[in-house]
Each structure stands twice: as C-alpha cells, then as structure tokens.
Amino acid sequence: MRASQVQEITITINGERAAYSVPVRRNLVDFLRHDVGLTGSHVGCEAGICGACNVRVDGVVVRGCLMFAVQADGRAVDTIEGITASGEAAELQQAFIERNALQCGYCTPGMLMTGLELVNSGRPVSREEIREELSGNFCRCTGYHAIVDAIGQVVERSRK
C-alpha cells in the first residue's frame, strides 16, 4: 500500500489512547474488528441501515460502517466491549435478559448502544418514541416488543 493511502491516527478506544496506521478508506467498524480485534460491533448492511455496526464517537452513537477510521482521529470511541466492561450497560443488559429481548444476538450490540443513548438522555419517553429511536436498528428475530420493553423498563427506573 502506498504511503499516501495510509494515515497515522491517534484514537481513544474504550478509554485507551493508542496510535495506528490506517488505510484511509477503511471504515470504522472494519478497523475496530480487524485492526483492533473488537468484534462486538457487527457488519450487516454496510449502508447505514441496520444498526449492527453502532459505536459511540465522542458520546454520540454513529454507524461504524459509514464513518472512516481516519475521521475518528483524536476522538473517543466506545464499543459494546467498552460499555460492557465499564458496567455502563449492565442494567440495560440485565433488562434485555429479563425481557428476552435478544435471540440470535446479531443486532444486540447495536440495540444496546442505541438503547443506552436513549437511557442516558434522561428524558421520559413513550413506547412510540423508543420505537422511533430504534427505527435505525434492524432485528429479524424478536419483533422489537421485548427490546422496547427492556429499554422502557430501564428508562423508567432511571427516572425514579
């Protein structure tokens, strides 16, 4: 690969700052999976439609398939591994288990990232608003009812 096709970036991933040489056209989710070894975020549609690749960049959930890794230079990226290890997602993960809001598990990391962003917003939300927030996350197994229930349960608990 020519030097002009590779760029040096410094990125904080799950709280750990490191430098990498990255092909300029590698998307963020492929970089995280193949270069960093964090395989929790999945590659689904590769068009930003399914939400399987969701990660958090500077506190905002983004589609990892639509962002180049070089765009994350100097930024903080959190993956499902990071929010799980920190315990940040523990209550939401437990609600997913209690409500049977996961089946094959392929969409679950993206659903958790989106759900956690909604929980962290601190705003009260209706079932319809939860569904709207999840509209960018595709699940073929659950029918979404249990996922909405799980997120709603945690949102309600956080308001008390």
N, C-alpha and C. Protein backbone atom coordinates (compact mmCIF):
# COMPACT_ATOMS: atom_id res chain seq x y z
N MET A 1 0.84 -1.17 0.00
CA MET A 1 0.00 0.00 0.00
C MET A 1 0.89 1.24 0.00
N ARG A 2 0.57 2.20 -0.85
CA ARG A 2 1.34 3.43 -0.91
C ARG A 2 1.15 4.24 0.36
N ALA A 3 2.18 4.99 0.72
CA ALA A 3 2.14 5.80 1.94
C ALA A 3 0.98 6.77 1.92
N SER A 4 0.60 7.28 0.75
CA SER A 4 -0.49 8.24 0.67
C SER A 4 -1.85 7.57 0.94
N GLN A 5 -1.89 6.26 0.92
CA GLN A 5 -3.13 5.55 1.18
C GLN A 5 -3.28 5.13 2.65
N VAL A 6 -2.29 5.46 3.45
CA VAL A 6 -2.30 5.13 4.87
C VAL A 6 -2.12 6.41 5.66
N GLN A 7 -2.85 6.52 6.77
CA GLN A 7 -2.73 7.71 7.60
C GLN A 7 -2.53 7.27 9.05
N GLU A 8 -1.71 8.03 9.75
CA GLU A 8 -1.50 7.80 11.17
C GLU A 8 -2.62 8.49 11.94
N ILE A 9 -3.23 7.76 12.85
CA ILE A 9 -4.25 8.36 13.70
C ILE A 9 -3.96 8.02 15.16
N THR A 10 -4.43 8.89 16.02
CA THR A 10 -4.40 8.63 17.45
C THR A 10 -5.84 8.67 17.91
N ILE A 11 -6.26 7.62 18.56
CA ILE A 11 -7.66 7.45 18.89
C ILE A 11 -7.78 6.84 20.29
N THR A 12 -8.78 7.25 21.01
CA THR A 12 -9.05 6.66 22.32
C THR A 12 -10.20 5.68 22.15
N ILE A 13 -9.91 4.41 22.36
CA ILE A 13 -10.91 3.36 22.20
C ILE A 13 -11.18 2.75 23.58
N ASN A 14 -12.40 2.88 24.03
CA ASN A 14 -12.81 2.36 25.34
C ASN A 14 -11.88 2.83 26.45
N GLY A 15 -11.49 4.11 26.35
CA GLY A 15 -10.67 4.72 27.38
C GLY A 15 -9.17 4.55 27.21
N GLU A 16 -8.74 3.77 26.23
CA GLU A 16 -7.32 3.54 25.99
C GLU A 16 -6.88 4.31 24.75
N ARG A 17 -5.92 5.21 24.91
CA ARG A 17 -5.41 6.00 23.78
C ARG A 17 -4.29 5.25 23.10
N ALA A 18 -4.32 5.20 21.78
CA ALA A 18 -3.28 4.49 21.01
C ALA A 18 -3.17 5.10 19.62
N ALA A 19 -2.04 4.83 18.98
CA ALA A 19 -1.79 5.30 17.62
C ALA A 19 -1.83 4.10 16.67
N TYR A 20 -2.35 4.34 15.48
CA TYR A 20 -2.49 3.30 14.47
C TYR A 20 -2.15 3.86 13.10
N SER A 21 -1.69 3.01 12.22
CA SER A 21 -1.58 3.31 10.80
C SER A 21 -2.78 2.67 10.13
N VAL A 22 -3.60 3.49 9.50
CA VAL A 22 -4.87 3.00 8.97
C VAL A 22 -5.00 3.32 7.49
N PRO A 23 -5.42 2.35 6.69
CA PRO A 23 -5.76 2.67 5.30
C PRO A 23 -6.86 3.74 5.29
N VAL A 24 -6.69 4.75 4.48
CA VAL A 24 -7.59 5.91 4.53
C VAL A 24 -9.04 5.56 4.18
N ARG A 25 -9.26 4.49 3.48
CA ARG A 25 -10.63 4.15 3.08
C ARG A 25 -11.24 3.03 3.92
N ARG A 26 -10.59 2.66 5.03
CA ARG A 26 -11.14 1.63 5.92
C ARG A 26 -12.20 2.26 6.81
N ASN A 27 -13.38 1.65 6.83
CA ASN A 27 -14.41 2.22 7.69
C ASN A 27 -14.13 1.87 9.15
N LEU A 28 -14.78 2.60 10.03
CA LEU A 28 -14.50 2.49 11.46
C LEU A 28 -14.80 1.10 11.99
N VAL A 29 -15.91 0.50 11.61
CA VAL A 29 -16.25 -0.82 12.14
C VAL A 29 -15.26 -1.87 11.69
N ASP A 30 -14.79 -1.82 10.45
CA ASP A 30 -13.79 -2.78 9.98
C ASP A 30 -12.46 -2.56 10.70
N PHE A 31 -12.10 -1.31 10.93
CA PHE A 31 -10.89 -1.00 11.69
C PHE A 31 -10.98 -1.60 13.10
N LEU A 32 -12.12 -1.37 13.77
CA LEU A 32 -12.28 -1.89 15.13
C LEU A 32 -12.24 -3.42 15.15
N ARG A 33 -12.89 -4.04 14.18
CA ARG A 33 -12.95 -5.50 14.15
C ARG A 33 -11.63 -6.13 13.73
N HIS A 34 -11.04 -5.64 12.63
CA HIS A 34 -9.88 -6.31 12.04
C HIS A 34 -8.54 -5.81 12.55
N ASP A 35 -8.44 -4.52 12.82
CA ASP A 35 -7.16 -3.97 13.26
C ASP A 35 -7.01 -3.97 14.78
N VAL A 36 -8.12 -3.73 15.47
CA VAL A 36 -8.07 -3.62 16.93
C VAL A 36 -8.51 -4.92 17.60
N GLY A 37 -9.30 -5.73 16.91
CA GLY A 37 -9.75 -7.01 17.47
C GLY A 37 -11.00 -6.92 18.31
N LEU A 38 -11.74 -5.82 18.19
CA LEU A 38 -13.00 -5.65 18.92
C LEU A 38 -14.14 -6.05 17.99
N THR A 39 -14.61 -7.26 18.13
CA THR A 39 -15.57 -7.83 17.18
C THR A 39 -17.02 -7.76 17.64
N GLY A 40 -17.29 -7.05 18.71
CA GLY A 40 -18.66 -6.95 19.21
C GLY A 40 -19.59 -6.20 18.28
N SER A 41 -19.11 -5.16 17.65
CA SER A 41 -19.90 -4.43 16.66
C SER A 41 -19.89 -5.25 15.38
N HIS A 42 -21.06 -5.46 14.82
CA HIS A 42 -21.15 -6.33 13.65
C HIS A 42 -21.27 -5.54 12.36
N VAL A 43 -20.97 -6.21 11.27
CA VAL A 43 -21.13 -5.63 9.94
C VAL A 43 -22.35 -6.30 9.32
N GLY A 44 -23.36 -5.50 9.06
CA GLY A 44 -24.59 -6.04 8.49
C GLY A 44 -24.77 -5.57 7.07
N CYS A 45 -25.46 -4.47 6.90
CA CYS A 45 -25.84 -3.99 5.58
C CYS A 45 -24.74 -3.22 4.87
N GLU A 46 -23.81 -2.65 5.62
CA GLU A 46 -22.75 -1.79 5.10
C GLU A 46 -23.27 -0.55 4.38
N ALA A 47 -24.51 -0.16 4.72
CA ALA A 47 -25.12 1.02 4.11
C ALA A 47 -25.75 1.93 5.15
N GLY A 48 -25.52 1.66 6.44
CA GLY A 48 -26.04 2.51 7.50
C GLY A 48 -27.51 2.30 7.81
N ILE A 49 -28.07 1.19 7.39
CA ILE A 49 -29.49 0.95 7.56
C ILE A 49 -29.80 0.07 8.77
N CYS A 50 -28.96 -0.91 9.06
CA CYS A 50 -29.34 -1.94 10.03
C CYS A 50 -28.93 -1.67 11.47
N GLY A 51 -27.93 -0.83 11.73
CA GLY A 51 -27.52 -0.50 13.09
C GLY A 51 -26.63 -1.52 13.77
N ALA A 52 -26.29 -2.60 13.09
CA ALA A 52 -25.44 -3.64 13.70
C ALA A 52 -24.05 -3.12 14.02
N CYS A 53 -23.62 -2.08 13.34
CA CYS A 53 -22.26 -1.55 13.48
C CYS A 53 -22.17 -0.36 14.44
N ASN A 54 -23.24 -0.08 15.17
CA ASN A 54 -23.27 1.10 16.03
C ASN A 54 -22.14 1.12 17.04
N VAL A 55 -21.48 2.26 17.12
CA VAL A 55 -20.48 2.56 18.15
C VAL A 55 -20.73 4.00 18.59
N ARG A 56 -20.08 4.39 19.65
CA ARG A 56 -20.23 5.75 20.15
C ARG A 56 -18.95 6.52 19.86
N VAL A 57 -19.08 7.68 19.25
CA VAL A 57 -17.94 8.55 18.97
C VAL A 57 -18.21 9.87 19.68
N ASP A 58 -17.31 10.22 20.60
CA ASP A 58 -17.47 11.43 21.41
C ASP A 58 -18.87 11.50 22.02
N GLY A 59 -19.36 10.36 22.50
CA GLY A 59 -20.62 10.31 23.22
C GLY A 59 -21.87 10.18 22.38
N VAL A 60 -21.74 10.14 21.06
CA VAL A 60 -22.90 10.06 20.17
C VAL A 60 -22.82 8.76 19.38
N VAL A 61 -23.94 8.02 19.33
CA VAL A 61 -23.97 6.78 18.57
C VAL A 61 -23.94 7.09 17.07
N VAL A 62 -23.02 6.41 16.38
CA VAL A 62 -22.86 6.57 14.94
C VAL A 62 -22.82 5.20 14.27
N ARG A 63 -23.02 5.20 12.99
CA ARG A 63 -22.89 3.98 12.19
C ARG A 63 -21.41 3.80 11.84
N GLY A 64 -20.82 2.76 12.36
CA GLY A 64 -19.40 2.48 12.12
C GLY A 64 -19.09 2.14 10.68
N CYS A 65 -20.10 1.73 9.92
CA CYS A 65 -19.86 1.40 8.51
C CYS A 65 -19.86 2.64 7.63
N LEU A 66 -20.39 3.75 8.14
CA LEU A 66 -20.48 4.98 7.35
C LEU A 66 -19.40 6.00 7.69
N MET A 67 -18.56 5.66 8.64
CA MET A 67 -17.51 6.58 9.07
C MET A 67 -16.16 5.94 8.81
N PHE A 68 -15.26 6.69 8.22
CA PHE A 68 -13.91 6.18 8.03
C PHE A 68 -13.16 6.23 9.36
N ALA A 69 -12.27 5.29 9.56
CA ALA A 69 -11.47 5.26 10.79
C ALA A 69 -10.66 6.55 10.94
N VAL A 70 -10.17 7.08 9.84
CA VAL A 70 -9.36 8.30 9.92
C VAL A 70 -10.18 9.49 10.41
N GLN A 71 -11.50 9.44 10.27
CA GLN A 71 -12.36 10.50 10.79
C GLN A 71 -12.43 10.47 12.31
N ALA A 72 -12.02 9.37 12.91
CA ALA A 72 -12.03 9.24 14.37
C ALA A 72 -10.71 9.70 14.99
N ASP A 73 -9.80 10.21 14.18
CA ASP A 73 -8.51 10.69 14.68
C ASP A 73 -8.74 11.75 15.76
N GLY A 74 -8.14 11.54 16.93
CA GLY A 74 -8.25 12.47 18.03
C GLY A 74 -9.54 12.39 18.82
N ARG A 75 -10.36 11.42 18.49
CA ARG A 75 -11.67 11.31 19.12
C ARG A 75 -11.75 10.10 20.05
N ALA A 76 -12.82 10.04 20.82
CA ALA A 76 -13.06 8.93 21.74
C ALA A 76 -14.13 8.02 21.15
N VAL A 77 -13.80 6.74 21.05
CA VAL A 77 -14.72 5.74 20.52
C VAL A 77 -15.01 4.72 21.61
N ASP A 78 -16.29 4.46 21.82
CA ASP A 78 -16.71 3.42 22.76
C ASP A 78 -17.42 2.33 21.98
N THR A 79 -17.06 1.09 22.26
CA THR A 79 -17.68 -0.05 21.61
C THR A 79 -18.52 -0.80 22.64
N ILE A 80 -19.23 -1.80 22.20
CA ILE A 80 -20.01 -2.62 23.11
C ILE A 80 -19.11 -3.26 24.16
N GLU A 81 -17.89 -3.62 23.78
CA GLU A 81 -16.95 -4.19 24.75
C GLU A 81 -16.64 -3.19 25.85
N GLY A 82 -16.48 -1.93 25.48
CA GLY A 82 -16.15 -0.89 26.45
C GLY A 82 -17.28 -0.59 27.41
N ILE A 83 -18.50 -0.47 26.87
CA ILE A 83 -19.61 -0.14 27.76
C ILE A 83 -20.01 -1.35 28.61
N THR A 84 -19.66 -2.53 28.15
CA THR A 84 -19.90 -3.73 28.95
C THR A 84 -18.87 -3.84 30.07
N ALA A 85 -17.60 -3.68 29.73
CA ALA A 85 -16.52 -3.79 30.72
C ALA A 85 -16.64 -2.73 31.81
N SER A 86 -17.08 -1.54 31.44
CA SER A 86 -17.19 -0.46 32.42
C SER A 86 -18.41 -0.61 33.33
N GLY A 87 -19.33 -1.47 32.94
CA GLY A 87 -20.56 -1.64 33.69
C GLY A 87 -21.65 -0.65 33.31
N GLU A 88 -21.34 0.25 32.39
CA GLU A 88 -22.30 1.27 31.98
C GLU A 88 -23.59 0.66 31.43
N ALA A 89 -23.47 -0.47 30.75
CA ALA A 89 -24.64 -1.09 30.12
C ALA A 89 -25.25 -2.20 30.96
N ALA A 90 -24.75 -2.42 32.17
CA ALA A 90 -25.17 -3.58 32.98
C ALA A 90 -26.68 -3.63 33.21
N GLU A 91 -27.27 -2.52 33.60
CA GLU A 91 -28.71 -2.52 33.88
C GLU A 91 -29.51 -2.81 32.61
N LEU A 92 -29.11 -2.22 31.51
CA LEU A 92 -29.80 -2.45 30.25
C LEU A 92 -29.60 -3.89 29.78
N GLN A 93 -28.40 -4.42 29.92
CA GLN A 93 -28.16 -5.81 29.55
C GLN A 93 -29.02 -6.75 30.39
N GLN A 94 -29.13 -6.49 31.69
CA GLN A 94 -29.96 -7.31 32.56
C GLN A 94 -31.42 -7.24 32.13
N ALA A 95 -31.88 -6.06 31.76
CA ALA A 95 -33.26 -5.91 31.30
C ALA A 95 -33.48 -6.69 30.00
N PHE A 96 -32.49 -6.70 29.11
CA PHE A 96 -32.60 -7.48 27.88
C PHE A 96 -32.74 -8.96 28.22
N ILE A 97 -32.00 -9.43 29.20
CA ILE A 97 -32.08 -10.83 29.62
C ILE A 97 -33.46 -11.11 30.24
N GLU A 98 -33.87 -10.27 31.17
CA GLU A 98 -35.15 -10.47 31.86
C GLU A 98 -36.33 -10.45 30.90
N ARG A 99 -36.28 -9.61 29.91
CA ARG A 99 -37.39 -9.45 28.96
C ARG A 99 -37.25 -10.32 27.71
N ASN A 100 -36.20 -11.14 27.67
CA ASN A 100 -35.91 -11.98 26.50
C ASN A 100 -35.85 -11.11 25.23
N ALA A 101 -35.11 -10.02 25.33
CA ALA A 101 -35.01 -9.05 24.25
C ALA A 101 -33.86 -9.35 23.31
N LEU A 102 -33.39 -10.56 23.33
CA LEU A 102 -32.33 -10.95 22.40
C LEU A 102 -32.56 -12.40 22.01
N GLN A 103 -32.27 -12.69 20.79
CA GLN A 103 -32.41 -14.07 20.36
C GLN A 103 -31.12 -14.50 19.69
N CYS A 104 -30.94 -14.22 18.43
CA CYS A 104 -29.69 -14.65 17.79
C CYS A 104 -28.52 -13.81 18.28
N GLY A 105 -28.79 -12.56 18.70
CA GLY A 105 -27.76 -11.70 19.26
C GLY A 105 -27.02 -10.83 18.26
N TYR A 106 -27.28 -11.01 16.98
CA TYR A 106 -26.54 -10.24 15.98
C TYR A 106 -26.79 -8.74 16.10
N CYS A 107 -28.03 -8.36 16.34
CA CYS A 107 -28.37 -6.94 16.43
C CYS A 107 -28.15 -6.38 17.83
N THR A 108 -27.98 -7.25 18.81
CA THR A 108 -27.98 -6.83 20.21
C THR A 108 -26.97 -5.74 20.54
N PRO A 109 -25.71 -5.82 20.10
CA PRO A 109 -24.78 -4.73 20.44
C PRO A 109 -25.26 -3.37 19.94
N GLY A 110 -25.77 -3.32 18.73
CA GLY A 110 -26.29 -2.06 18.19
C GLY A 110 -27.52 -1.59 18.92
N MET A 111 -28.39 -2.52 19.28
CA MET A 111 -29.59 -2.17 20.06
C MET A 111 -29.20 -1.63 21.43
N LEU A 112 -28.22 -2.26 22.07
CA LEU A 112 -27.76 -1.79 23.37
C LEU A 112 -27.15 -0.40 23.28
N MET A 113 -26.35 -0.15 22.24
CA MET A 113 -25.75 1.17 22.07
C MET A 113 -26.84 2.23 21.90
N THR A 114 -27.82 1.95 21.05
CA THR A 114 -28.91 2.90 20.82
C THR A 114 -29.76 3.06 22.08
N GLY A 115 -30.09 1.95 22.72
CA GLY A 115 -30.89 2.00 23.94
C GLY A 115 -30.20 2.76 25.05
N LEU A 116 -28.90 2.54 25.19
CA LEU A 116 -28.15 3.24 26.24
C LEU A 116 -28.11 4.74 25.98
N GLU A 117 -27.98 5.12 24.72
CA GLU A 117 -28.01 6.55 24.40
C GLU A 117 -29.35 7.16 24.82
N LEU A 118 -30.42 6.42 24.60
CA LEU A 118 -31.75 6.90 25.00
C LEU A 118 -31.87 6.97 26.52
N VAL A 119 -31.40 5.93 27.21
CA VAL A 119 -31.43 5.93 28.68
C VAL A 119 -30.61 7.10 29.22
N ASN A 120 -29.43 7.30 28.66
CA ASN A 120 -28.54 8.37 29.14
C ASN A 120 -29.06 9.77 28.84
N SER A 121 -30.01 9.88 27.92
CA SER A 121 -30.56 11.20 27.60
C SER A 121 -31.33 11.76 28.79
N GLY A 122 -31.83 10.88 29.67
CA GLY A 122 -32.54 11.31 30.86
C GLY A 122 -33.95 11.81 30.61
N ARG A 123 -34.38 11.77 29.38
CA ARG A 123 -35.72 12.28 29.10
C ARG A 123 -36.75 11.15 29.16
N PRO A 124 -37.94 11.47 29.60
CA PRO A 124 -39.01 10.46 29.60
C PRO A 124 -39.42 10.17 28.16
N VAL A 125 -39.67 8.91 27.88
CA VAL A 125 -40.06 8.54 26.51
C VAL A 125 -41.20 7.53 26.54
N SER A 126 -42.02 7.60 25.54
CA SER A 126 -43.12 6.66 25.38
C SER A 126 -42.62 5.45 24.58
N ARG A 127 -43.44 4.41 24.54
CA ARG A 127 -43.10 3.24 23.72
C ARG A 127 -42.92 3.64 22.26
N GLU A 128 -43.74 4.56 21.79
CA GLU A 128 -43.64 5.01 20.40
C GLU A 128 -42.31 5.72 20.16
N GLU A 129 -41.88 6.52 21.13
CA GLU A 129 -40.60 7.23 20.99
C GLU A 129 -39.42 6.25 21.03
N ILE A 130 -39.53 5.22 21.86
CA ILE A 130 -38.47 4.20 21.88
C ILE A 130 -38.42 3.52 20.52
N ARG A 131 -39.57 3.16 19.99
CA ARG A 131 -39.62 2.53 18.66
C ARG A 131 -39.00 3.44 17.59
N GLU A 132 -39.29 4.73 17.69
CA GLU A 132 -38.73 5.69 16.73
C GLU A 132 -37.20 5.73 16.84
N GLU A 133 -36.69 5.75 18.07
CA GLU A 133 -35.24 5.75 18.28
C GLU A 133 -34.61 4.49 17.73
N LEU A 134 -35.32 3.37 17.84
CA LEU A 134 -34.80 2.08 17.36
C LEU A 134 -35.03 1.86 15.87
N SER A 135 -35.67 2.78 15.21
CA SER A 135 -36.04 2.56 13.81
C SER A 135 -34.83 2.37 12.90
N GLY A 136 -33.66 2.77 13.34
CA GLY A 136 -32.46 2.57 12.55
C GLY A 136 -31.72 1.29 12.90
N ASN A 137 -32.34 0.44 13.71
CA ASN A 137 -31.75 -0.83 14.11
C ASN A 137 -32.67 -1.96 13.64
N PHE A 138 -32.12 -2.87 12.87
CA PHE A 138 -32.90 -3.93 12.27
C PHE A 138 -32.73 -5.23 13.04
N CYS A 139 -33.84 -5.87 13.38
CA CYS A 139 -33.82 -7.18 14.06
C CYS A 139 -34.79 -8.10 13.34
N ARG A 140 -34.32 -9.28 12.99
CA ARG A 140 -35.18 -10.24 12.31
C ARG A 140 -35.81 -11.25 13.26
N CYS A 141 -35.39 -11.28 14.51
CA CYS A 141 -35.81 -12.35 15.42
C CYS A 141 -36.90 -11.97 16.40
N THR A 142 -36.83 -10.77 16.99
CA THR A 142 -37.63 -10.51 18.18
C THR A 142 -38.96 -9.82 17.95
N GLY A 143 -39.14 -9.14 16.87
CA GLY A 143 -40.35 -8.36 16.70
C GLY A 143 -40.33 -7.05 17.48
N TYR A 144 -39.23 -6.75 18.13
CA TYR A 144 -38.99 -5.48 18.83
C TYR A 144 -39.75 -5.30 20.13
N HIS A 145 -40.84 -6.00 20.38
CA HIS A 145 -41.64 -5.77 21.59
C HIS A 145 -40.81 -5.91 22.85
N ALA A 146 -40.05 -6.99 22.95
CA ALA A 146 -39.24 -7.23 24.15
C ALA A 146 -38.12 -6.21 24.27
N ILE A 147 -37.57 -5.77 23.16
CA ILE A 147 -36.50 -4.76 23.18
C ILE A 147 -37.06 -3.44 23.69
N VAL A 148 -38.21 -3.06 23.19
CA VAL A 148 -38.87 -1.83 23.65
C VAL A 148 -39.20 -1.94 25.13
N ASP A 149 -39.70 -3.11 25.55
CA ASP A 149 -39.99 -3.33 26.97
C ASP A 149 -38.74 -3.15 27.83
N ALA A 150 -37.64 -3.74 27.41
CA ALA A 150 -36.40 -3.69 28.19
C ALA A 150 -35.89 -2.25 28.31
N ILE A 151 -35.87 -1.54 27.21
CA ILE A 151 -35.40 -0.15 27.24
C ILE A 151 -36.35 0.70 28.07
N GLY A 152 -37.64 0.51 27.87
CA GLY A 152 -38.63 1.26 28.65
C GLY A 152 -38.49 1.01 30.14
N GLN A 153 -38.21 -0.23 30.52
CA GLN A 153 -38.02 -0.58 31.94
C GLN A 153 -36.85 0.19 32.53
N VAL A 154 -35.74 0.27 31.81
CA VAL A 154 -34.56 0.96 32.32
C VAL A 154 -34.78 2.48 32.31
N VAL A 155 -35.42 3.00 31.30
CA VAL A 155 -35.73 4.43 31.27
C VAL A 155 -36.59 4.79 32.47
N GLU A 156 -37.60 3.98 32.75
CA GLU A 156 -38.50 4.24 33.87
C GLU A 156 -37.75 4.18 35.19
N ARG A 157 -36.90 3.18 35.37
CA ARG A 157 -36.11 3.05 36.61
C ARG A 157 -35.18 4.26 36.78
N SER A 158 -34.60 4.72 35.69
CA SER A 158 -33.64 5.84 35.79
C SER A 158 -34.34 7.14 36.16
N ARG A 159 -35.62 7.23 35.90
CA ARG A 159 -36.38 8.44 36.23
C ARG A 159 -36.74 8.50 37.69
N LYS A 160 -36.69 7.36 38.39
CA LYS A 160 -37.08 7.31 39.81
C LYS A 160 -35.94 7.63 40.72
